[in-house]
C-alpha atoms as a PDB file:
ATOM      1  CA  MET A   1      10.942 -30.362 -17.795  1.00  0.00           C
ATOM      2  CA  SER A   2       8.378 -33.166 -17.957  1.00  0.00           C
ATOM      3  CA  GLU A   3      11.020 -35.571 -19.314  1.00  0.00           C
ATOM      4  CA  ILE A   4      13.145 -35.063 -16.225  1.00  0.00           C
ATOM      5  CA  TYR A   5      10.144 -35.697 -13.980  1.00  0.00           C
ATOM      6  CA  ALA A   6       9.216 -38.878 -15.875  1.00  0.00           C
ATOM      7  CA  THR A   7      12.788 -40.172 -15.633  1.00  0.00           C
ATOM      8  CA  SER A   8      12.823 -39.412 -11.919  1.00  0.00           C
ATOM      9  CA  GLN A   9       9.631 -41.368 -11.358  1.00  0.00           C
ATOM     10  CA  THR A  10      10.878 -44.333 -13.361  1.00  0.00           C
ATOM     11  CA  THR A  11      14.106 -44.442 -11.372  1.00  0.00           C
ATOM     12  CA  HIS A  12      12.220 -44.294  -8.076  1.00  0.00           C
ATOM     13  CA  SER A  13       9.852 -47.037  -9.216  1.00  0.00           C
ATOM     14  CA  SER A  14      12.710 -49.354 -10.250  1.00  0.00           C
ATOM     15  CA  VAL A  15      14.503 -48.762  -6.938  1.00  0.00           C
ATOM     16  CA  PHE A  16      11.298 -49.675  -5.061  1.00  0.00           C
ATOM     17  CA  HIS A  17      10.854 -52.865  -7.063  1.00  0.00           C
ATOM     18  CA  ASN A  18      14.452 -53.899  -6.485  1.00  0.00           C
ATOM     19  CA  LYS A  19      14.014 -53.453  -2.744  1.00  0.00           C
ATOM     20  CA  PHE A  20      10.744 -55.428  -2.607  1.00  0.00           C
ATOM     21  CA  PRO A  21      10.742 -57.799  -5.576  1.00  0.00           C
ATOM     22  CA  SER A  22       7.265 -59.116  -4.784  1.00  0.00           C
ATOM     23  CA  PRO A  23       4.100 -57.975  -3.037  1.00  0.00           C
ATOM     24  CA  LEU A  24       4.736 -60.730  -0.507  1.00  0.00           C
ATOM     25  CA  GLY A  25       8.119 -59.188   0.386  1.00  0.00           C
ATOM     26  CA  PHE A  26       6.501 -55.807   0.932  1.00  0.00           C
ATOM     27  CA  HIS A  27       3.700 -57.349   3.008  1.00  0.00           C
ATOM     28  CA  TRP A  28       6.259 -59.087   5.204  1.00  0.00           C
ATOM     29  CA  PHE A  29       8.195 -55.851   5.702  1.00  0.00           C
ATOM     30  CA  GLN A  30       4.984 -53.976   6.580  1.00  0.00           C
ATOM     31  CA  THR A  31       3.917 -56.661   9.072  1.00  0.00           C
ATOM     32  CA  VAL A  32       7.255 -56.665  10.857  1.00  0.00           C
ATOM     33  CA  SER A  33       7.142 -52.850  11.032  1.00  0.00           C
ATOM     34  CA  VAL A  34       3.700 -52.937  12.680  1.00  0.00           C
ATOM     35  CA  TRP A  35       4.865 -55.547  15.187  1.00  0.00           C
ATOM     36  CA  SER A  36       7.946 -53.494  16.045  1.00  0.00           C
ATOM     37  CA  HIS A  37       5.839 -50.356  16.500  1.00  0.00           C
ATOM     38  CA  ARG A  38       3.447 -52.260  18.820  1.00  0.00           C
ATOM     39  CA  ILE A  39       6.342 -53.501  20.963  1.00  0.00           C
ATOM     40  CA  ASN A  40       7.690 -49.957  21.301  1.00  0.00           C
ATOM     41  CA  GLN A  41       4.243 -48.506  22.155  1.00  0.00           C
ATOM     42  CA  ARG A  42       3.707 -51.103  24.885  1.00  0.00           C
ATOM     43  CA  LYS A  43       7.156 -50.496  26.390  1.00  0.00           C
ATOM     44  CA  THR A  44       6.450 -46.768  26.430  1.00  0.00           C
ATOM     45  CA  LEU A  45       3.066 -47.285  28.120  1.00  0.00           C
ATOM     46  CA  MET A  46       4.655 -49.478  30.823  1.00  0.00           C
ATOM     47  CA  GLN A  47       7.250 -46.798  31.563  1.00  0.00           C
ATOM     48  CA  MET A  48       4.716 -43.970  31.957  1.00  0.00           C
ATOM     49  CA  SER A  49       4.107 -42.567  35.387  1.00  0.00           C
ATOM     50  CA  ASP A  50       0.664 -42.798  36.989  1.00  0.00           C
ATOM     51  CA  ARG A  51       0.265 -39.046  36.489  1.00  0.00           C
ATOM     52  CA  LEU A  52       0.788 -39.361  32.742  1.00  0.00           C
ATOM     53  CA  LEU A  53      -1.643 -42.288  32.573  1.00  0.00           C
ATOM     54  CA  VAL A  54      -4.298 -40.149  34.281  1.00  0.00           C
ATOM     55  CA  ASP A  55      -3.637 -37.449  31.692  1.00  0.00           C
ATOM     56  CA  ILE A  56      -4.316 -39.847  28.808  1.00  0.00           C
ATOM     57  CA  GLY A  57      -7.257 -41.491  30.595  1.00  0.00           C
ATOM     58  CA  LEU A  58      -5.839 -44.958  31.265  1.00  0.00           C
ATOM     59  CA  THR A  59      -5.242 -46.957  34.417  1.00  0.00           C
ATOM     60  CA  ARG A  60      -2.252 -49.078  35.357  1.00  0.00           C
ATOM     61  CA  GLU A  61      -4.514 -52.153  35.136  1.00  0.00           C
ATOM     62  CA  GLN A  62      -5.505 -51.299  31.550  1.00  0.00           C
ATOM     63  CA  ILE A  63      -1.867 -50.901  30.630  1.00  0.00           C
ATOM     64  CA  SER A  64      -0.931 -54.205  32.248  1.00  0.00           C
ATOM     65  CA  GLU A  65      -3.724 -55.955  30.344  1.00  0.00           C
ATOM     66  CA  GLU A  66      -2.542 -54.377  27.092  1.00  0.00           C
ATOM     67  CA  CYS A  67       1.091 -55.321  27.624  1.00  0.00           C
ATOM     68  CA  GLU A  68       0.315 -58.952  28.414  1.00  0.00           C
ATOM     69  CA  LYS A  69      -0.854 -59.462  24.823  1.00  0.00           C
ATOM     70  CA  PRO A  70       1.621 -60.891  22.310  1.00  0.00           C
ATOM     71  CA  PHE A  71       3.042 -58.344  19.843  1.00  0.00           C
ATOM     72  CA  TRP A  72       1.234 -59.924  16.902  1.00  0.00           C
ATOM     73  CA  ILE A  73      -2.192 -59.249  18.459  1.00  0.00           C
ATOM     74  CA  LYS A  74      -3.660 -55.797  18.016  1.00  0.00           C
ATOM     75  CA  GLY A  75      -4.583 -54.269  21.322  1.00  0.00           C
ATOM     76  CA  LYS A  76      -7.203 -51.812  22.432  1.00  0.00           C
ATOM     77  CA  TYR A  77      -4.656 -49.044  23.068  1.00  0.00           C
ATOM     78  CA  CYS A  78      -1.835 -50.018  20.689  1.00  0.00           C
ATOM     79  CA  ASN A  79      -2.288 -50.181  16.936  1.00  0.00           C
END
């Protein structure tokens, strides 16, 4: 049983290394993912109604300020 588990881990590890051959490649992928997530969060905030913003404790002005920031800059309300 342990041999099957070890083989499974080795296979997963080699697949991971083939996908991201270097730490730099993985770092790039992770950075782009964060940027994409930030863009989506800011779009969602802009589309929220005033009632929803009151529910989460934010004002339209705070959201506008947040959404004016470039996607590569971490905001106060978006990771």
